[in-house]
C-alpha cells in the first residue's frame, strides 16, 4: 500500500494519506488573534487540506481539539457548530493543553475517509 504525503517538511507533513484515510497534522491559526479568528482559520485550513487530499468535512471520522483554556470551549463550539456537517459529525474529543506557543489558543487534528 502506498503512502502519500501532502506538503511534507523537515519535521512533518500537513497530511498523510494511507489505506483510504487522510490524517491531518494539527492545524493552528494566526498567533495572537482571537479564539474565534483562530478557529475560523483552522477550519478553513482543514477544508483546504481535505480538498487537496480528495475529500471533505462530510467524510470526517475523528476530531481532536486542543484548547489553551477551556474557558474558550463555548466560543470554539460556536464556530465549530457553524462549520461541521450536521448530518455527518465526527467522533470528537476536546481538552485543555499547553500549546506550542502561548499566542495559540486552539489546535485541531482530524482524520477523514477518502471520497
Protein backbone atom coordinates (compact mmCIF):
# COMPACT_ATOMS: atom_id res chain seq x y z
CA UNK A 1 0.00 0.00 0.00
CA UNK A 2 1.25 3.44 -0.87
CA UNK A 3 1.60 6.37 1.46
CA UNK A 4 1.10 9.87 0.06
CA UNK A 5 2.31 12.92 1.97
CA UNK A 6 0.90 16.41 1.40
CA UNK A 7 3.14 19.41 1.99
CA UNK A 8 5.97 17.41 3.58
CA UNK A 9 8.55 19.37 5.53
CA UNK A 10 11.63 18.55 7.55
CA UNK A 11 9.64 17.78 10.70
CA UNK A 12 6.17 16.79 9.49
CA UNK A 13 3.68 16.59 6.65
CA UNK A 14 0.45 18.60 6.69
CA UNK A 15 -1.44 15.43 5.77
CA UNK A 16 -0.73 11.76 5.15
CA UNK A 17 -2.97 9.53 3.06
CA UNK A 18 -2.88 5.77 3.58
CA UNK A 19 -5.35 2.97 3.01
CA UNK A 20 -8.26 5.32 2.21
CA UNK A 21 -7.77 7.52 5.29
CA UNK A 22 -6.46 11.10 5.44
CA UNK A 23 -4.59 12.05 8.61
CA UNK A 24 -4.14 15.79 9.10
CA UNK A 25 -1.46 17.37 11.23
CA UNK A 26 -2.62 19.68 13.97
CA UNK A 27 -3.76 22.96 12.45
CA UNK A 28 -3.32 26.29 14.22
CA UNK A 29 -4.43 29.82 13.36
CA UNK A 30 -2.69 33.17 13.37
CA UNK A 31 -0.94 33.59 16.75
CA UNK A 32 -2.24 36.42 18.86
CA UNK A 33 -5.66 36.68 17.20
CA UNK A 34 -8.92 35.89 18.98
CA UNK A 35 -10.09 32.35 19.61
CA UNK A 36 -12.91 32.88 17.10
CA UNK A 37 -10.50 34.07 14.42
CA UNK A 38 -8.04 31.25 15.09
CA UNK A 39 -10.78 28.61 14.97
CA UNK A 40 -12.16 30.05 11.71
CA UNK A 41 -8.70 29.96 10.11
CA UNK A 42 -8.03 26.43 11.36
CA UNK A 43 -11.28 25.11 9.90
CA UNK A 44 -10.56 26.81 6.56
CA UNK A 45 -7.12 25.17 6.54
CA UNK A 46 -8.76 21.81 7.25
CA UNK A 47 -11.20 22.35 4.37
CA UNK A 48 -8.30 23.16 2.02
CA UNK A 49 -6.21 20.14 3.06
CA UNK A 50 -9.17 17.78 2.82
CA UNK A 51 -9.93 19.11 -0.68
CA UNK A 52 -6.29 18.66 -1.70
CA UNK A 53 -6.49 15.08 -0.45
CA UNK A 54 -9.69 14.44 -2.40
CA UNK A 55 -12.30 14.51 0.36
CA UNK A 56 -14.29 16.95 2.51
CA UNK A 57 -15.66 17.53 6.01
CA UNK A 58 -18.68 15.29 5.37
CA UNK A 59 -16.21 12.38 5.49
CA UNK A 60 -14.61 13.27 8.85
CA UNK A 61 -14.05 10.30 11.13
CA UNK A 62 -12.44 11.89 14.18
CA UNK A 63 -11.51 15.31 15.51
CA UNK A 64 -9.26 16.15 18.44
CA UNK A 65 -9.45 19.74 19.61
CA UNK A 66 -6.87 21.22 21.95
CA UNK A 67 -7.69 24.49 23.70
CA UNK A 68 -5.18 26.56 25.66
CA UNK A 69 -8.01 27.45 28.03
CA UNK A 70 -11.25 25.51 28.50
CA UNK A 71 -12.95 28.85 29.15
CA UNK A 72 -12.87 29.15 25.32
CA UNK A 73 -14.94 25.97 24.86
CA UNK A 74 -18.25 27.71 24.10
CA UNK A 75 -16.66 30.22 21.70
CA UNK A 76 -14.84 27.45 19.83
CA UNK A 77 -18.04 25.39 19.67
CA UNK A 78 -19.94 28.34 18.16
CA UNK A 79 -17.51 28.38 15.22
CA UNK A 80 -17.32 24.58 15.03
CA UNK A 81 -21.12 24.15 15.05
CA UNK A 82 -21.50 26.59 12.14
CA UNK A 83 -18.81 24.68 10.18
CA UNK A 84 -19.32 20.97 10.87
CA UNK A 85 -21.62 18.95 8.60
CA UNK A 86 -24.60 18.35 10.92
CA UNK A 87 -25.54 15.16 9.10
CA UNK A 88 -22.02 13.72 9.47
CA UNK A 89 -20.37 14.88 12.69
CA UNK A 90 -17.14 13.06 13.59
CA UNK A 91 -16.27 11.36 16.82
CA UNK A 92 -14.68 14.20 18.79
CA UNK A 93 -12.64 14.93 21.89
CA UNK A 94 -11.71 18.32 23.34
CA UNK A 95 -9.15 19.01 26.03
CA UNK A 96 -7.03 21.72 27.55
CA UNK A 97 -3.28 21.69 26.90
CA UNK A 98 -0.31 23.99 26.81
CA UNK A 99 0.10 24.64 23.06
CA UNK A 100 3.42 25.17 21.23
CA UNK A 101 3.34 28.94 21.75
CA UNK A 102 1.32 31.00 24.24
CA UNK A 103 -0.28 33.00 21.39
CA UNK A 104 -2.02 29.89 20.07
CA UNK A 105 -5.49 29.35 21.52
CA UNK A 106 -6.68 26.29 19.56
CA UNK A 107 -5.26 23.37 17.59
CA UNK A 108 -7.42 20.89 15.71
CA UNK A 109 -6.44 17.46 14.36
CA UNK A 110 -8.76 15.42 12.13
CA UNK A 111 -8.90 12.18 10.19
CA UNK A 112 -11.21 11.62 7.23
CA UNK A 113 -12.14 8.91 4.79
CA UNK A 114 -11.38 9.50 1.13
CA UNK A 115 -14.38 10.12 -1.08
